[in-house]
């Protein structure tokens, strides 16, 4: 199963992306994973709109959803110049919020890869036999990070 859709580069379109991801997850019988998938994908789409396309509403963001071995994937591509994704580690930089979205995506997805010079990100979610310990560790890492940011 594979579905591709294109949106105008405007954050007002995020609710329609969330709805499409919700339906895709349910069509693939992985509705229980919708929340984690949705948060990661919405972050990727928002990054594509704001950073990749620079908020230029004349540009487009392409979202492709599909099944892969052991789960599902979502690819998000923008029409921007790309970026040096190697500059961002596991945690966002202490001195700015840059990289926080990548941290969230990486924490929620089982695998994240960039291509096309950073204009495309692929998020893979293993949905057959996810380890509960991995889930708890991811949640704890996110909670710790956001508690530190809020302090």
N, C-alpha and C. Protein backbone atom coordinates (compact mmCIF):
# COMPACT_ATOMS: atom_id res chain seq x y z
N UNK A 1 0.84 -1.17 0.00
CA UNK A 1 0.00 0.00 0.00
C UNK A 1 0.89 1.23 0.00
N UNK A 2 0.52 2.20 -0.82
CA UNK A 2 1.29 3.43 -0.91
C UNK A 2 0.34 4.57 -1.26
N UNK A 3 0.57 5.72 -0.64
CA UNK A 3 -0.25 6.90 -0.89
C UNK A 3 0.67 8.11 -0.92
N UNK A 4 0.47 8.97 -1.90
CA UNK A 4 1.25 10.20 -2.01
C UNK A 4 0.29 11.37 -2.14
N UNK A 5 0.58 12.44 -1.42
CA UNK A 5 -0.20 13.65 -1.57
C UNK A 5 0.71 14.86 -1.45
N UNK A 6 0.26 15.97 -2.01
CA UNK A 6 1.04 17.19 -2.05
C UNK A 6 0.20 18.30 -1.42
N UNK A 7 0.86 19.10 -0.58
CA UNK A 7 0.17 20.24 0.03
C UNK A 7 0.92 21.52 -0.31
N UNK A 8 0.21 22.61 -0.24
CA UNK A 8 0.82 23.93 -0.38
C UNK A 8 1.63 24.18 0.88
N UNK A 9 2.73 24.86 0.74
CA UNK A 9 3.65 25.10 1.85
C UNK A 9 3.08 26.17 2.79
N UNK A 10 2.15 25.73 3.65
CA UNK A 10 1.48 26.62 4.58
C UNK A 10 1.11 25.80 5.82
N UNK A 11 1.49 26.28 7.00
CA UNK A 11 1.21 25.52 8.22
C UNK A 11 -0.28 25.35 8.46
N UNK A 12 -1.12 26.12 7.82
CA UNK A 12 -2.58 25.94 7.93
C UNK A 12 -3.01 24.59 7.37
N UNK A 13 -2.14 23.93 6.60
CA UNK A 13 -2.44 22.63 6.02
C UNK A 13 -2.07 21.46 6.93
N UNK A 14 -1.47 21.74 8.09
CA UNK A 14 -1.07 20.66 9.00
C UNK A 14 -2.25 19.79 9.46
N UNK A 15 -3.42 20.36 9.78
CA UNK A 15 -4.55 19.49 10.18
C UNK A 15 -4.96 18.50 9.09
N UNK A 16 -4.87 18.89 7.82
CA UNK A 16 -5.23 17.94 6.75
C UNK A 16 -4.19 16.83 6.65
N UNK A 17 -2.91 17.15 6.92
CA UNK A 17 -1.87 16.12 6.93
C UNK A 17 -2.14 15.14 8.07
N UNK A 18 -2.48 15.67 9.23
CA UNK A 18 -2.77 14.81 10.38
C UNK A 18 -3.93 13.87 10.07
N UNK A 19 -4.95 14.38 9.42
CA UNK A 19 -6.11 13.55 9.07
C UNK A 19 -5.71 12.45 8.09
N UNK A 20 -4.89 12.79 7.10
CA UNK A 20 -4.45 11.77 6.13
C UNK A 20 -3.61 10.69 6.81
N UNK A 21 -2.74 11.10 7.74
CA UNK A 21 -1.91 10.12 8.45
C UNK A 21 -2.79 9.22 9.32
N UNK A 22 -3.79 9.81 9.97
CA UNK A 22 -4.73 9.03 10.79
C UNK A 22 -5.39 7.95 9.93
N UNK A 23 -5.91 8.33 8.78
CA UNK A 23 -6.59 7.36 7.91
C UNK A 23 -5.62 6.32 7.36
N UNK A 24 -4.42 6.76 7.00
CA UNK A 24 -3.43 5.81 6.50
C UNK A 24 -3.09 4.76 7.56
N UNK A 25 -2.86 5.20 8.79
CA UNK A 25 -2.54 4.25 9.87
C UNK A 25 -3.67 3.26 10.07
N UNK A 26 -4.89 3.72 10.02
CA UNK A 26 -6.03 2.81 10.21
C UNK A 26 -6.20 1.87 9.03
N UNK A 27 -5.95 2.35 7.81
CA UNK A 27 -6.02 1.47 6.64
C UNK A 27 -4.97 0.37 6.71
N UNK A 28 -3.83 0.67 7.34
CA UNK A 28 -2.75 -0.31 7.47
C UNK A 28 -2.88 -1.14 8.75
N UNK A 29 -3.98 -0.94 9.48
CA UNK A 29 -4.23 -1.66 10.74
C UNK A 29 -3.17 -1.39 11.79
N UNK A 30 -2.68 -0.16 11.83
CA UNK A 30 -1.71 0.24 12.85
C UNK A 30 -2.20 1.50 13.55
N UNK A 31 -3.51 1.59 13.73
CA UNK A 31 -4.10 2.76 14.35
C UNK A 31 -3.58 3.05 15.74
N UNK A 32 -3.14 2.01 16.45
CA UNK A 32 -2.60 2.21 17.80
C UNK A 32 -1.31 3.04 17.77
N UNK A 33 -0.65 3.10 16.64
CA UNK A 33 0.61 3.84 16.52
C UNK A 33 0.40 5.24 15.97
N UNK A 34 -0.84 5.59 15.70
CA UNK A 34 -1.14 6.86 15.05
C UNK A 34 -0.51 8.05 15.76
N UNK A 35 -0.59 8.11 17.07
CA UNK A 35 -0.09 9.29 17.79
C UNK A 35 1.40 9.51 17.56
N UNK A 36 2.20 8.47 17.74
CA UNK A 36 3.65 8.61 17.55
C UNK A 36 3.98 8.96 16.11
N UNK A 37 3.31 8.30 15.17
CA UNK A 37 3.55 8.56 13.76
C UNK A 37 3.16 10.00 13.43
N UNK A 38 2.00 10.40 13.90
CA UNK A 38 1.48 11.73 13.59
C UNK A 38 2.39 12.84 14.11
N UNK A 39 2.83 12.74 15.35
CA UNK A 39 3.70 13.79 15.93
C UNK A 39 4.99 13.90 15.11
N UNK A 40 5.60 12.78 14.79
CA UNK A 40 6.85 12.81 14.03
C UNK A 40 6.64 13.37 12.63
N UNK A 41 5.57 12.93 11.97
CA UNK A 41 5.31 13.38 10.60
C UNK A 41 4.94 14.86 10.57
N UNK A 42 4.11 15.30 11.50
CA UNK A 42 3.75 16.72 11.54
C UNK A 42 4.98 17.59 11.77
N UNK A 43 5.92 17.12 12.57
CA UNK A 43 7.16 17.86 12.78
C UNK A 43 7.96 17.93 11.49
N UNK A 44 8.02 16.81 10.77
CA UNK A 44 8.75 16.79 9.49
C UNK A 44 8.10 17.73 8.47
N UNK A 45 6.78 17.73 8.41
CA UNK A 45 6.08 18.60 7.46
C UNK A 45 6.26 20.07 7.85
N UNK A 46 6.14 20.35 9.14
CA UNK A 46 6.34 21.74 9.59
C UNK A 46 7.76 22.20 9.27
N UNK A 47 8.76 21.34 9.50
CA UNK A 47 10.14 21.69 9.15
C UNK A 47 10.27 21.96 7.65
N UNK A 48 9.61 21.14 6.84
CA UNK A 48 9.67 21.32 5.39
C UNK A 48 9.07 22.66 4.99
N UNK A 49 7.96 23.02 5.62
CA UNK A 49 7.28 24.28 5.30
C UNK A 49 8.11 25.47 5.76
N UNK A 50 8.47 25.47 7.04
CA UNK A 50 9.12 26.64 7.65
C UNK A 50 10.58 26.77 7.26
N UNK A 51 11.33 25.69 7.39
CA UNK A 51 12.78 25.76 7.14
C UNK A 51 13.13 25.42 5.69
N UNK A 52 12.58 24.33 5.18
CA UNK A 52 12.90 23.91 3.82
C UNK A 52 12.42 24.89 2.76
N UNK A 53 11.14 25.19 2.81
CA UNK A 53 10.55 26.08 1.81
C UNK A 53 10.51 27.53 2.27
N UNK A 54 11.03 27.80 3.45
CA UNK A 54 11.09 29.18 3.94
C UNK A 54 9.75 29.86 4.07
N UNK A 55 8.69 29.08 4.27
CA UNK A 55 7.36 29.66 4.41
C UNK A 55 6.78 30.18 3.10
N UNK A 56 7.42 29.87 1.98
CA UNK A 56 6.98 30.32 0.67
C UNK A 56 5.78 29.49 0.22
N UNK A 57 4.60 30.09 0.25
CA UNK A 57 3.36 29.38 -0.06
C UNK A 57 3.27 28.92 -1.52
N UNK A 58 4.15 29.43 -2.38
CA UNK A 58 4.13 28.99 -3.77
C UNK A 58 4.84 27.63 -3.94
N UNK A 59 5.56 27.22 -2.92
CA UNK A 59 6.25 25.93 -2.95
C UNK A 59 5.35 24.84 -2.39
N UNK A 60 5.73 23.60 -2.63
CA UNK A 60 4.93 22.45 -2.22
C UNK A 60 5.72 21.53 -1.30
N UNK A 61 4.98 20.76 -0.53
CA UNK A 61 5.55 19.69 0.29
C UNK A 61 4.87 18.39 -0.14
N UNK A 62 5.67 17.39 -0.44
CA UNK A 62 5.15 16.09 -0.86
C UNK A 62 5.28 15.11 0.30
N UNK A 63 4.21 14.39 0.56
CA UNK A 63 4.19 13.39 1.62
C UNK A 63 3.84 12.05 1.00
N UNK A 64 4.70 11.06 1.22
CA UNK A 64 4.45 9.71 0.72
C UNK A 64 4.38 8.77 1.91
N UNK A 65 3.31 8.00 1.98
CA UNK A 65 3.12 7.01 3.04
C UNK A 65 3.11 5.63 2.39
N UNK A 66 3.72 4.68 3.04
CA UNK A 66 3.71 3.33 2.49
C UNK A 66 4.05 2.29 3.54
N UNK A 67 3.96 1.07 3.12
CA UNK A 67 4.34 -0.03 4.00
C UNK A 67 5.75 -0.47 3.64
N UNK A 68 6.46 -0.91 4.64
CA UNK A 68 7.81 -1.43 4.44
C UNK A 68 7.97 -2.65 5.33
N UNK A 69 9.05 -3.31 5.19
CA UNK A 69 9.28 -4.52 5.98
C UNK A 69 9.14 -4.21 7.47
N UNK A 70 8.18 -4.83 8.10
CA UNK A 70 8.00 -4.68 9.54
C UNK A 70 7.19 -3.48 9.97
N UNK A 71 6.68 -2.70 9.02
CA UNK A 71 5.92 -1.54 9.46
C UNK A 71 5.50 -0.61 8.35
N UNK A 72 5.57 0.67 8.67
CA UNK A 72 5.18 1.71 7.70
C UNK A 72 6.28 2.76 7.62
N UNK A 73 6.23 3.54 6.55
CA UNK A 73 7.16 4.66 6.42
C UNK A 73 6.39 5.87 5.93
N UNK A 74 6.95 7.03 6.20
CA UNK A 74 6.44 8.29 5.66
C UNK A 74 7.66 9.09 5.21
N UNK A 75 7.61 9.56 3.96
CA UNK A 75 8.65 10.43 3.44
C UNK A 75 8.07 11.81 3.22
N UNK A 76 8.82 12.82 3.62
CA UNK A 76 8.40 14.21 3.46
C UNK A 76 9.49 14.92 2.68
N UNK A 77 9.09 15.58 1.59
CA UNK A 77 10.06 16.28 0.74
C UNK A 77 9.61 17.72 0.51
N UNK A 78 10.58 18.62 0.52
CA UNK A 78 10.29 20.03 0.25
C UNK A 78 11.02 20.46 -1.02
N UNK A 79 10.82 21.70 -1.42
CA UNK A 79 11.44 22.25 -2.62
C UNK A 79 12.54 23.25 -2.29
N UNK A 80 13.05 23.19 -1.06
CA UNK A 80 14.07 24.14 -0.63
C UNK A 80 15.47 23.77 -1.09
N UNK A 81 16.45 24.41 -0.45
CA UNK A 81 17.86 24.23 -0.80
C UNK A 81 18.50 23.06 -0.07
N UNK A 82 17.80 22.46 0.89
CA UNK A 82 18.39 21.40 1.69
C UNK A 82 19.16 21.98 2.85
N UNK A 83 19.76 21.13 3.65
CA UNK A 83 20.55 21.59 4.79
C UNK A 83 21.53 20.50 5.19
N UNK A 84 22.49 20.87 6.01
CA UNK A 84 23.51 19.94 6.48
C UNK A 84 22.98 19.20 7.69
N UNK A 85 22.27 18.10 7.44
CA UNK A 85 21.65 17.34 8.53
C UNK A 85 22.66 16.67 9.42
N UNK A 86 23.89 16.55 8.98
CA UNK A 86 24.95 15.96 9.81
C UNK A 86 25.34 16.84 10.98
N UNK A 87 24.94 18.11 10.96
CA UNK A 87 25.26 19.05 12.05
C UNK A 87 24.42 18.81 13.28
N UNK A 88 23.37 18.02 13.16
CA UNK A 88 22.44 17.83 14.27
C UNK A 88 22.64 16.46 14.88
N UNK A 89 22.96 16.44 16.16
CA UNK A 89 23.20 15.19 16.86
C UNK A 89 21.93 14.62 17.45
N UNK A 90 22.10 13.81 18.48
CA UNK A 90 20.96 13.17 19.11
C UNK A 90 20.11 14.13 19.91
N UNK A 91 20.73 15.16 20.47
CA UNK A 91 19.99 16.15 21.26
C UNK A 91 20.13 17.52 20.61
N UNK A 92 19.13 18.38 20.79
CA UNK A 92 19.24 19.73 20.24
C UNK A 92 20.38 20.49 20.91
N UNK A 93 20.91 21.47 20.19
CA UNK A 93 21.97 22.30 20.75
C UNK A 93 21.47 23.03 21.99
N UNK A 94 22.33 23.16 23.00
CA UNK A 94 21.94 23.81 24.25
C UNK A 94 21.63 25.29 24.06
N UNK A 95 22.28 25.92 23.10
CA UNK A 95 22.18 27.37 22.96
C UNK A 95 21.05 27.84 22.05
N UNK A 96 20.28 26.93 21.49
CA UNK A 96 19.16 27.35 20.63
C UNK A 96 18.15 26.22 20.53
N UNK A 97 17.03 26.54 19.95
CA UNK A 97 16.01 25.52 19.75
C UNK A 97 16.22 24.78 18.44
N UNK A 98 17.17 25.19 17.63
CA UNK A 98 17.39 24.52 16.35
C UNK A 98 17.78 23.07 16.58
N UNK A 99 17.16 22.22 15.84
CA UNK A 99 17.42 20.80 15.96
C UNK A 99 16.43 20.07 16.85
N UNK A 100 15.56 20.81 17.53
CA UNK A 100 14.60 20.17 18.42
C UNK A 100 13.62 19.31 17.63
N UNK A 101 13.18 19.78 16.49
CA UNK A 101 12.26 19.01 15.65
C UNK A 101 12.89 17.72 15.18
N UNK A 102 14.15 17.78 14.80
CA UNK A 102 14.86 16.57 14.37
C UNK A 102 14.96 15.60 15.54
N UNK A 103 15.23 16.12 16.73
CA UNK A 103 15.29 15.30 17.94
C UNK A 103 13.96 14.58 18.17
N UNK A 104 12.86 15.29 18.04
CA UNK A 104 11.54 14.70 18.25
C UNK A 104 11.29 13.60 17.21
N UNK A 105 11.57 13.89 15.94
CA UNK A 105 11.36 12.89 14.89
C UNK A 105 12.21 11.65 15.12
N UNK A 106 13.47 11.87 15.46
CA UNK A 106 14.39 10.75 15.68
C UNK A 106 13.98 9.92 16.90
N UNK A 107 13.42 10.59 17.91
CA UNK A 107 13.00 9.90 19.12
C UNK A 107 11.76 9.04 18.89
N UNK A 108 10.89 9.46 18.01
CA UNK A 108 9.63 8.75 17.80
C UNK A 108 9.70 7.70 16.70
N UNK A 109 10.54 7.92 15.71
CA UNK A 109 10.66 6.96 14.61
C UNK A 109 11.69 5.89 14.96
N UNK A 110 11.53 4.73 14.38
CA UNK A 110 12.51 3.67 14.58
C UNK A 110 13.73 3.87 13.70
N UNK A 111 13.53 4.57 12.60
CA UNK A 111 14.65 4.87 11.71
C UNK A 111 14.34 6.18 10.99
N UNK A 112 15.33 7.05 10.89
CA UNK A 112 15.17 8.32 10.20
C UNK A 112 16.38 8.51 9.28
N UNK A 113 16.12 8.78 8.01
CA UNK A 113 17.20 9.02 7.06
C UNK A 113 16.86 10.23 6.20
N UNK A 114 17.90 10.99 5.88
CA UNK A 114 17.76 12.15 5.00
C UNK A 114 18.36 11.81 3.65
N UNK A 115 17.81 12.41 2.60
CA UNK A 115 18.37 12.25 1.26
C UNK A 115 18.13 13.56 0.50
N UNK A 116 18.59 13.57 -0.74
CA UNK A 116 18.45 14.75 -1.60
C UNK A 116 18.98 16.01 -0.91
N UNK A 117 20.13 15.88 -0.25
CA UNK A 117 20.77 17.03 0.38
C UNK A 117 19.98 17.60 1.55
N UNK A 118 19.14 16.78 2.16
CA UNK A 118 18.34 17.23 3.30
C UNK A 118 16.95 17.71 2.91
N UNK A 119 16.61 17.62 1.63
CA UNK A 119 15.27 18.04 1.19
C UNK A 119 14.23 16.96 1.41
N UNK A 120 14.65 15.74 1.70
CA UNK A 120 13.72 14.62 1.91
C UNK A 120 14.13 13.87 3.18
N UNK A 121 13.13 13.59 4.01
CA UNK A 121 13.36 12.78 5.21
C UNK A 121 12.43 11.57 5.15
N UNK A 122 12.95 10.43 5.51
CA UNK A 122 12.16 9.19 5.57
C UNK A 122 12.12 8.74 7.02
N UNK A 123 10.90 8.57 7.51
CA UNK A 123 10.66 8.08 8.86
C UNK A 123 10.06 6.69 8.76
N UNK A 124 10.69 5.73 9.43
CA UNK A 124 10.17 4.37 9.43
C UNK A 124 9.73 4.00 10.83
N UNK A 125 8.60 3.32 10.89
CA UNK A 125 8.02 2.91 12.17
C UNK A 125 7.79 1.40 12.14
N UNK A 126 8.48 0.71 13.03
CA UNK A 126 8.30 -0.73 13.15
C UNK A 126 7.04 -0.94 13.97
N UNK A 127 6.10 -1.65 13.42
CA UNK A 127 4.83 -1.82 14.13
C UNK A 127 4.53 -3.28 14.45
N UNK A 128 5.36 -4.18 13.99
CA UNK A 128 5.13 -5.58 14.35
C UNK A 128 6.11 -5.96 15.44
N UNK A 129 5.60 -6.08 16.64
CA UNK A 129 6.43 -6.51 17.75
C UNK A 129 7.29 -5.42 18.35
N UNK A 130 6.79 -4.20 18.45
CA UNK A 130 7.58 -3.14 19.07
C UNK A 130 7.87 -3.50 20.52
N UNK A 131 9.06 -3.26 20.93
CA UNK A 131 9.49 -3.60 22.28
C UNK A 131 8.98 -2.54 23.26
N UNK A 132 8.17 -2.95 24.24
CA UNK A 132 7.65 -1.97 25.21
C UNK A 132 8.76 -1.22 25.95
N UNK A 133 9.89 -1.86 26.18
CA UNK A 133 11.01 -1.19 26.87
C UNK A 133 11.54 -0.04 26.01
N UNK A 134 11.60 -0.25 24.69
CA UNK A 134 12.04 0.83 23.79
C UNK A 134 11.07 1.99 23.84
N UNK A 135 9.78 1.69 23.87
CA UNK A 135 8.77 2.74 23.94
C UNK A 135 8.91 3.56 25.22
N UNK A 136 9.08 2.87 26.34
CA UNK A 136 9.22 3.57 27.62
C UNK A 136 10.49 4.41 27.65
N UNK A 137 11.56 3.89 27.07
CA UNK A 137 12.82 4.65 27.02
C UNK A 137 12.66 5.91 26.18
N UNK A 138 11.96 5.82 25.06
CA UNK A 138 11.73 6.99 24.21
C UNK A 138 10.90 8.04 24.94
N UNK A 139 9.85 7.58 25.60
CA UNK A 139 9.00 8.51 26.34
C UNK A 139 9.80 9.21 27.43
N UNK A 140 10.60 8.45 28.18
CA UNK A 140 11.41 9.03 29.26
C UNK A 140 12.40 10.06 28.71
N UNK A 141 13.02 9.76 27.58
CA UNK A 141 13.98 10.69 26.97
C UNK A 141 13.30 11.99 26.56
N UNK A 142 12.13 11.88 25.95
CA UNK A 142 11.39 13.08 25.56
C UNK A 142 10.94 13.88 26.78
N UNK A 143 10.44 13.20 27.81
CA UNK A 143 10.00 13.89 29.02
C UNK A 143 11.16 14.61 29.68
N UNK A 144 12.30 13.95 29.76
CA UNK A 144 13.49 14.56 30.37
C UNK A 144 13.91 15.81 29.60
N UNK A 145 13.92 15.70 28.29
CA UNK A 145 14.33 16.84 27.48
C UNK A 145 13.40 18.02 27.68
N UNK A 146 12.09 17.78 27.57
CA UNK A 146 11.15 18.89 27.67
C UNK A 146 11.03 19.43 29.08
N UNK A 147 11.31 18.64 30.10
CA UNK A 147 11.33 19.14 31.47
C UNK A 147 12.52 20.10 31.63
N UNK A 148 13.65 19.76 31.01
CA UNK A 148 14.83 20.61 31.06
C UNK A 148 14.59 21.91 30.31
N UNK A 149 13.94 21.83 29.15
CA UNK A 149 13.66 23.03 28.36
C UNK A 149 12.71 23.96 29.09
N UNK A 150 11.72 23.39 29.79
CA UNK A 150 10.72 24.20 30.51
C UNK A 150 11.29 24.85 31.76
N UNK A 151 12.36 24.27 32.29
CA UNK A 151 12.94 24.80 33.55
C UNK A 151 13.70 26.07 33.35
